Amino acid sequence: MAAGDDVKVIGMWSSPFVMRPRITLNLKSVGYEFLEENSVLEKSELLVKSNPVHKKMSVLIHGDRPVCKSLVILE
């Protein structure tokens, strides 16, 4: 899909809350870029900018619009 070129998922590979959106995107054949966070304590600037209130993963970014929380992403 051409729209998948600008889809990004931010999270840790071991988090079940990050795996939900990744599995769903794979099932729907949507291409995405996975941006892995290395530590729970040290948040990247992109994560803080995308989810400024809670600063938690998972975050899906489509274009310039972030969508937070895995269940909201699935909808």
PDB file of N, CA and C in Angstrom:
ATOM      1  N   MET A   1       0.825  -1.187   0.000  1.00  0.00           N
ATOM      2  CA  MET A   1       0.000   0.000   0.000  1.00  0.00           C
ATOM      3  C   MET A   1       0.862   1.239   0.000  1.00  0.00           C
ATOM      4  N   ALA A   2       0.492   2.204  -0.744  1.00  0.00           N
ATOM      5  CA  ALA A   2       1.258   3.441  -0.806  1.00  0.00           C
ATOM      6  C   ALA A   2       1.077   4.267   0.457  1.00  0.00           C
ATOM      7  N   ALA A   3      -0.082   4.132   1.103  1.00  0.00           N
ATOM      8  CA  ALA A   3      -0.328   4.905   2.316  1.00  0.00           C
ATOM      9  C   ALA A   3       0.527   4.421   3.476  1.00  0.00           C
ATOM     10  N   GLY A   4       1.062   3.199   3.409  1.00  0.00           N
ATOM     11  CA  GLY A   4       1.857   2.657   4.487  1.00  0.00           C
ATOM     12  C   GLY A   4       3.238   3.255   4.582  1.00  0.00           C
ATOM     13  N   ASP A   5       3.635   4.022   3.583  1.00  0.00           N
ATOM     14  CA  ASP A   5       4.973   4.601   3.596  1.00  0.00           C
ATOM     15  C   ASP A   5       5.154   5.619   4.705  1.00  0.00           C
ATOM     16  N   ASP A   6       4.081   6.245   5.150  1.00  0.00           N
ATOM     17  CA  ASP A   6       4.212   7.276   6.170  1.00  0.00           C
ATOM     18  C   ASP A   6       3.622   6.836   7.509  1.00  0.00           C
ATOM     19  N   VAL A   7       3.482   5.526   7.731  1.00  0.00           N
ATOM     20  CA  VAL A   7       2.974   4.994   8.993  1.00  0.00           C
ATOM     21  C   VAL A   7       4.159   4.545   9.828  1.00  0.00           C
ATOM     22  N   LYS A   8       4.166   4.990  11.094  1.00  0.00           N
ATOM     23  CA  LYS A   8       5.232   4.616  12.024  1.00  0.00           C
ATOM     24  C   LYS A   8       4.610   4.139  13.324  1.00  0.00           C
ATOM     25  N   VAL A   9       5.248   3.180  13.961  1.00  0.00           N
ATOM     26  CA  VAL A   9       4.823   2.686  15.261  1.00  0.00           C
ATOM     27  C   VAL A   9       5.996   2.861  16.212  1.00  0.00           C
ATOM     28  N   ILE A  10       5.740   3.511  17.342  1.00  0.00           N
ATOM     29  CA  ILE A  10       6.776   3.725  18.355  1.00  0.00           C
ATOM     30  C   ILE A  10       6.492   2.800  19.530  1.00  0.00           C
ATOM     31  N   GLY A  11       7.506   2.066  19.987  1.00  0.00           N
ATOM     32  CA  GLY A  11       7.321   1.210  21.135  1.00  0.00           C
ATOM     33  C   GLY A  11       8.487   0.291  21.373  1.00  0.00           C
ATOM     34  N   MET A  12       8.327  -0.578  22.382  1.00  0.00           N
ATOM     35  CA  MET A  12       9.325  -1.595  22.699  1.00  0.00           C
ATOM     36  C   MET A  12       8.847  -2.919  22.139  1.00  0.00           C
ATOM     37  N   TRP A  13       9.761  -3.716  21.629  1.00  0.00           N
ATOM     38  CA  TRP A  13       9.379  -4.968  20.986  1.00  0.00           C
ATOM     39  C   TRP A  13       8.718  -5.934  21.961  1.00  0.00           C
ATOM     40  N   SER A  14       9.041  -5.844  23.252  1.00  0.00           N
ATOM     41  CA  SER A  14       8.536  -6.804  24.234  1.00  0.00           C
ATOM     42  C   SER A  14       7.182  -6.430  24.828  1.00  0.00           C
ATOM     43  N   SER A  15       6.651  -5.261  24.494  1.00  0.00           N
ATOM     44  CA  SER A  15       5.401  -4.806  25.085  1.00  0.00           C
ATOM     45  C   SER A  15       4.192  -5.388  24.348  1.00  0.00           C
ATOM     46  N   PRO A  16       3.261  -6.013  25.080  1.00  0.00           N
ATOM     47  CA  PRO A  16       2.051  -6.513  24.420  1.00  0.00           C
ATOM     48  C   PRO A  16       1.185  -5.392  23.869  1.00  0.00           C
ATOM     49  N   PHE A  17       1.297  -4.210  24.449  1.00  0.00           N
ATOM     50  CA  PHE A  17       0.528  -3.061  23.980  1.00  0.00           C
ATOM     51  C   PHE A  17       1.065  -2.526  22.656  1.00  0.00           C
ATOM     52  N   VAL A  18       2.298  -2.840  22.345  1.00  0.00           N
ATOM     53  CA  VAL A  18       2.893  -2.470  21.064  1.00  0.00           C
ATOM     54  C   VAL A  18       2.671  -3.590  20.047  1.00  0.00           C
ATOM     55  N   MET A  19       2.636  -4.824  20.521  1.00  0.00           N
ATOM     56  CA  MET A  19       2.438  -5.947  19.618  1.00  0.00           C
ATOM     57  C   MET A  19       1.046  -5.948  19.001  1.00  0.00           C
ATOM     58  N   ARG A  20       0.027  -5.504  19.731  1.00  0.00           N
ATOM     59  CA  ARG A  20      -1.339  -5.468  19.185  1.00  0.00           C
ATOM     60  C   ARG A  20      -1.424  -4.687  17.873  1.00  0.00           C
ATOM     61  N   PRO A  21      -0.982  -3.418  17.853  1.00  0.00           N
ATOM     62  CA  PRO A  21      -1.056  -2.685  16.588  1.00  0.00           C
ATOM     63  C   PRO A  21      -0.161  -3.271  15.500  1.00  0.00           C
ATOM     64  N   ARG A  22       1.002  -3.801  15.876  1.00  0.00           N
ATOM     65  CA  ARG A  22       1.906  -4.379  14.874  1.00  0.00           C
ATOM     66  C   ARG A  22       1.284  -5.617  14.228  1.00  0.00           C
ATOM     67  N   ILE A  23       0.653  -6.461  15.019  1.00  0.00           N
ATOM     68  CA  ILE A  23      -0.004  -7.648  14.475  1.00  0.00           C
ATOM     69  C   ILE A  23      -1.148  -7.241  13.557  1.00  0.00           C
ATOM     70  N   THR A  24      -1.929  -6.262  13.980  1.00  0.00           N
ATOM     71  CA  THR A  24      -3.057  -5.803  13.173  1.00  0.00           C
ATOM     72  C   THR A  24      -2.587  -5.192  11.856  1.00  0.00           C
ATOM     73  N   LEU A  25      -1.550  -4.379  11.897  1.00  0.00           N
ATOM     74  CA  LEU A  25      -1.032  -3.789  10.666  1.00  0.00           C
ATOM     75  C   LEU A  25      -0.500  -4.866   9.726  1.00  0.00           C
ATOM     76  N   ASN A  26       0.132  -5.892  10.279  1.00  0.00           N
ATOM     77  CA  ASN A  26       0.628  -6.992   9.448  1.00  0.00           C
ATOM     78  C   ASN A  26      -0.522  -7.792   8.841  1.00  0.00           C
ATOM     79  N   LEU A  27      -1.578  -8.042   9.618  1.00  0.00           N
ATOM     80  CA  LEU A  27      -2.734  -8.770   9.095  1.00  0.00           C
ATOM     81  C   LEU A  27      -3.433  -8.010   7.975  1.00  0.00           C
ATOM     82  N   LYS A  28      -3.438  -6.697   8.080  1.00  0.00           N
ATOM     83  CA  LYS A  28      -4.084  -5.866   7.063  1.00  0.00           C
ATOM     84  C   LYS A  28      -3.131  -5.480   5.933  1.00  0.00           C
ATOM     85  N   SER A  29      -1.914  -5.981   5.972  1.00  0.00           N
ATOM     86  CA  SER A  29      -0.893  -5.726   4.943  1.00  0.00           C
ATOM     87  C   SER A  29      -0.587  -4.244   4.769  1.00  0.00           C
ATOM     88  N   VAL A  30      -0.533  -3.540   5.888  1.00  0.00           N
ATOM     89  CA  VAL A  30      -0.171  -2.116   5.872  1.00  0.00           C
ATOM     90  C   VAL A  30       1.309  -2.024   6.204  1.00  0.00           C
ATOM     91  N   GLY A  31       2.079  -1.423   5.327  1.00  0.00           N
ATOM     92  CA  GLY A  31       3.492  -1.235   5.585  1.00  0.00           C
ATOM     93  C   GLY A  31       3.709  -0.139   6.622  1.00  0.00           C
ATOM     94  N   TYR A  32       4.655  -0.352   7.504  1.00  0.00           N
ATOM     95  CA  TYR A  32       4.941   0.630   8.545  1.00  0.00           C
ATOM     96  C   TYR A  32       6.403   0.539   8.928  1.00  0.00           C
ATOM     97  N   GLU A  33       6.854   1.599   9.572  1.00  0.00           N
ATOM     98  CA  GLU A  33       8.220   1.634  10.102  1.00  0.00           C
ATOM     99  C   GLU A  33       8.125   1.509  11.616  1.00  0.00           C
ATOM    100  N   PHE A  34       8.872   0.563  12.190  1.00  0.00           N
ATOM    101  CA  PHE A  34       8.867   0.368  13.632  1.00  0.00           C
ATOM    102  C   PHE A  34      10.031   1.126  14.243  1.00  0.00           C
ATOM    103  N   LEU A  35       9.729   2.071  15.117  1.00  0.00           N
ATOM    104  CA  LEU A  35      10.751   2.860  15.806  1.00  0.00           C
ATOM    105  C   LEU A  35      10.827   2.351  17.241  1.00  0.00           C
ATOM    106  N   GLU A  36      11.870   1.608  17.531  1.00  0.00           N
ATOM    107  CA  GLU A  36      11.979   0.960  18.837  1.00  0.00           C
ATOM    108  C   GLU A  36      12.539   1.899  19.891  1.00  0.00           C
ATOM    109  N   GLU A  37      11.861   1.917  21.027  1.00  0.00           N
ATOM    110  CA  GLU A  37      12.344   2.634  22.209  1.00  0.00           C
ATOM    111  C   GLU A  37      13.256   1.681  22.970  1.00  0.00           C
ATOM    112  N   ASN A  38      14.403   2.146  23.395  1.00  0.00           N
ATOM    113  CA  ASN A  38      15.361   1.281  24.077  1.00  0.00           C
ATOM    114  C   ASN A  38      15.104   1.151  25.561  1.00  0.00           C
ATOM    115  N   SER A  39      14.539   2.155  26.168  1.00  0.00           N
ATOM    116  CA  SER A  39      14.384   2.133  27.621  1.00  0.00           C
ATOM    117  C   SER A  39      13.068   2.771  28.013  1.00  0.00           C
ATOM    118  N   VAL A  40      12.493   2.263  29.085  1.00  0.00           N
ATOM    119  CA  VAL A  40      11.260   2.841  29.603  1.00  0.00           C
ATOM    120  C   VAL A  40      11.562   4.164  30.306  1.00  0.00           C
ATOM    121  N   LEU A  41      12.745   4.281  30.886  1.00  0.00           N
ATOM    122  CA  LEU A  41      13.096   5.476  31.647  1.00  0.00           C
ATOM    123  C   LEU A  41      13.481   6.649  30.759  1.00  0.00           C
ATOM    124  N   GLU A  42      14.176   6.371  29.680  1.00  0.00           N
ATOM    125  CA  GLU A  42      14.618   7.434  28.775  1.00  0.00           C
ATOM    126  C   GLU A  42      13.710   7.461  27.554  1.00  0.00           C
ATOM    127  N   LYS A  43      12.858   8.466  27.483  1.00  0.00           N
ATOM    128  CA  LYS A  43      11.912   8.598  26.374  1.00  0.00           C
ATOM    129  C   LYS A  43      12.552   9.399  25.243  1.00  0.00           C
ATOM    130  N   SER A  44      12.284   8.977  24.028  1.00  0.00           N
ATOM    131  CA  SER A  44      12.800   9.723  22.887  1.00  0.00           C
ATOM    132  C   SER A  44      11.998  11.006  22.701  1.00  0.00           C
ATOM    133  N   GLU A  45      12.593  11.938  22.004  1.00  0.00           N
ATOM    134  CA  GLU A  45      11.931  13.219  21.756  1.00  0.00           C
ATOM    135  C   GLU A  45      10.663  13.033  20.921  1.00  0.00           C
ATOM    136  N   LEU A  46      10.702  12.106  19.975  1.00  0.00           N
ATOM    137  CA  LEU A  46       9.541  11.842  19.125  1.00  0.00           C
ATOM    138  C   LEU A  46       8.378  11.281  19.946  1.00  0.00           C
ATOM    139  N   LEU A  47       8.660  10.394  20.899  1.00  0.00           N
ATOM    140  CA  LEU A  47       7.611   9.845  21.758  1.00  0.00           C
ATOM    141  C   LEU A  47       6.999  10.915  22.634  1.00  0.00           C
ATOM    142  N   VAL A  48       7.823  11.754  23.233  1.00  0.00           N
ATOM    143  CA  VAL A  48       7.316  12.828  24.097  1.00  0.00           C
ATOM    144  C   VAL A  48       6.502  13.836  23.282  1.00  0.00           C
ATOM    145  N   LYS A  49       6.931  14.107  22.068  1.00  0.00           N
ATOM    146  CA  LYS A  49       6.207  15.037  21.200  1.00  0.00           C
ATOM    147  C   LYS A  49       4.884  14.431  20.734  1.00  0.00           C
ATOM    148  N   SER A  50       4.867  13.120  20.483  1.00  0.00           N
ATOM    149  CA  SER A  50       3.673  12.460  19.976  1.00  0.00           C
ATOM    150  C   SER A  50       2.641  12.185  21.055  1.00  0.00           C
ATOM    151  N   ASN A  51       3.075  11.935  22.272  1.00  0.00           N
ATOM    152  CA  ASN A  51       2.174  11.647  23.387  1.00  0.00           C
ATOM    153  C   ASN A  51       2.603  12.485  24.586  1.00  0.00           C
ATOM    154  N   PRO A  52       2.367  13.801  24.534  1.00  0.00           N
ATOM    155  CA  PRO A  52       2.913  14.691  25.569  1.00  0.00           C
ATOM    156  C   PRO A  52       2.269  14.540  26.939  1.00  0.00           C
ATOM    157  N   VAL A  53       1.043  14.051  27.017  1.00  0.00           N
ATOM    158  CA  VAL A  53       0.362  13.966  28.308  1.00  0.00           C
ATOM    159  C   VAL A  53       0.866  12.782  29.116  1.00  0.00           C
ATOM    160  N   HIS A  54       0.798  11.574  28.549  1.00  0.00           N
ATOM    161  CA  HIS A  54       1.155  10.371  29.298  1.00  0.00           C
ATOM    162  C   HIS A  54       2.582   9.893  29.036  1.00  0.00           C
ATOM    163  N   LYS A  55       3.135  10.235  27.865  1.00  0.00           N
ATOM    164  CA  LYS A  55       4.491   9.831  27.481  1.00  0.00           C
ATOM    165  C   LYS A  55       4.658   8.313  27.519  1.00  0.00           C
ATOM    166  N   LYS A  56       3.613   7.595  27.069  1.00  0.00           N
ATOM    167  CA  LYS A  56       3.644   6.140  27.076  1.00  0.00           C
ATOM    168  C   LYS A  56       3.546   5.592  25.670  1.00  0.00           C
ATOM    169  N   MET A  57       3.938   4.340  25.511  1.00  0.00           N
ATOM    170  CA  MET A  57       3.844   3.645  24.248  1.00  0.00           C
ATOM    171  C   MET A  57       2.528   2.885  24.253  1.00  0.00           C
ATOM    172  N   SER A  58       1.939   2.535  23.276  1.00  0.00           N
ATOM    173  CA  SER A  58       2.297   2.553  21.890  1.00  0.00           C
ATOM    174  C   SER A  58       1.707   3.786  21.207  1.00  0.00           C
ATOM    175  N   VAL A  59       2.406   4.250  20.204  1.00  0.00           N
ATOM    176  CA  VAL A  59       1.968   5.405  19.430  1.00  0.00           C
ATOM    177  C   VAL A  59       2.088   5.046  17.962  1.00  0.00           C
ATOM    178  N   LEU A  60       1.010   5.281  17.219  1.00  0.00           N
ATOM    179  CA  LEU A  60       1.033   5.123  15.780  1.00  0.00           C
ATOM    180  C   LEU A  60       1.015   6.520  15.187  1.00  0.00           C
ATOM    181  N   ILE A  61       1.911   6.786  14.266  1.00  0.00           N
ATOM    182  CA  ILE A  61       1.971   8.092  13.604  1.00  0.00           C
ATOM    183  C   ILE A  61       1.653   7.879  12.134  1.00  0.00           C
ATOM    184  N   HIS A  62       0.598   8.526  11.680  1.00  0.00           N
ATOM    185  CA  HIS A  62       0.218   8.464  10.267  1.00  0.00           C
ATOM    186  C   HIS A  62       0.338   9.867   9.707  1.00  0.00           C
ATOM    187  N   GLY A  63       1.324  10.058   8.863  1.00  0.00           N
ATOM    188  CA  GLY A  63       1.618  11.412   8.394  1.00  0.00           C
ATOM    189  C   GLY A  63       2.205  12.197   9.553  1.00  0.00           C
ATOM    190  N   ASP A  64       1.523  13.242   9.969  1.00  0.00           N
ATOM    191  CA  ASP A  64       1.951  14.036  11.125  1.00  0.00           C
ATOM    192  C   ASP A  64       1.024  13.864  12.314  1.00  0.00           C
ATOM    193  N   ARG A  65       0.048  12.970  12.216  1.00  0.00           N
ATOM    194  CA  ARG A  65      -0.949  12.823  13.273  1.00  0.00           C
ATOM    195  C   ARG A  65      -0.673  11.590  14.127  1.00  0.00           C
ATOM    196  N   PRO A  66      -0.436  11.773  15.425  1.00  0.00           N
ATOM    197  CA  PRO A  66      -0.215  10.626  16.301  1.00  0.00           C
ATOM    198  C   PRO A  66      -1.542  10.075  16.835  1.00  0.00           C
ATOM    199  N   VAL A  67      -1.580   8.768  16.991  1.00  0.00           N
ATOM    200  CA  VAL A  67      -2.709   8.082  17.629  1.00  0.00           C
ATOM    201  C   VAL A  67      -2.119   7.276  18.768  1.00  0.00           C
ATOM    202  N   CYS A  68      -2.603   7.524  19.978  1.00  0.00           N
ATOM    203  CA  CYS A  68      -2.060   6.870  21.166  1.00  0.00           C
ATOM    204  C   CYS A  68      -2.994   5.790  21.667  1.00  0.00           C
ATOM    205  N   LYS A  69      -2.466   4.875  22.428  1.00  0.00           N
ATOM    206  CA  LYS A  69      -3.131   3.743  23.053  1.00  0.00           C
ATOM    207  C   LYS A  69      -3.461   2.672  22.032  1.00  0.00           C
ATOM    208  N   SER A  70      -3.104   1.455  22.364  1.00  0.00           N
ATOM    209  CA  SER A  70      -3.204   0.361  21.403  1.00  0.00           C
ATOM    210  C   SER A  70      -4.644   0.039  21.004  1.00  0.00           C
ATOM    211  N   LEU A  71      -5.591   0.103  21.917  1.00  0.00           N
ATOM    212  CA  LEU A  71      -6.974  -0.195  21.553  1.00  0.00           C
ATOM    213  C   LEU A  71      -7.572   0.865  20.638  1.00  0.00           C
ATOM    214  N   VAL A  72      -7.179   2.105  20.815  1.00  0.00           N
ATOM    215  CA  VAL A  72      -7.636   3.172  19.920  1.00  0.00           C
ATOM    216  C   VAL A  72      -7.019   2.979  18.542  1.00  0.00           C
ATOM    217  N   ILE A  73      -5.771   2.566  18.487  1.00  0.00           N
ATOM    218  CA  ILE A  73      -5.112   2.308  17.209  1.00  0.00           C
ATOM    219  C   ILE A  73      -5.819   1.188  16.465  1.00  0.00           C
ATOM    220  N   LEU A  74      -6.242   0.151  17.185  1.00  0.00           N
ATOM    221  CA  LEU A  74      -6.920  -0.969  16.546  1.00  0.00           C
ATOM    222  C   LEU A  74      -8.253  -0.574  15.930  1.00  0.00           C
ATOM    223  N   GLU A  75      -8.929   0.370  16.547  1.00  0.00           N
ATOM    224  CA  GLU A  75     -10.217   0.822  15.997  1.00  0.00           C
ATOM    225  C   GLU A  75      -9.983   1.551  14.697  1.00  0.00           C
TER     226      GLU A  75
END
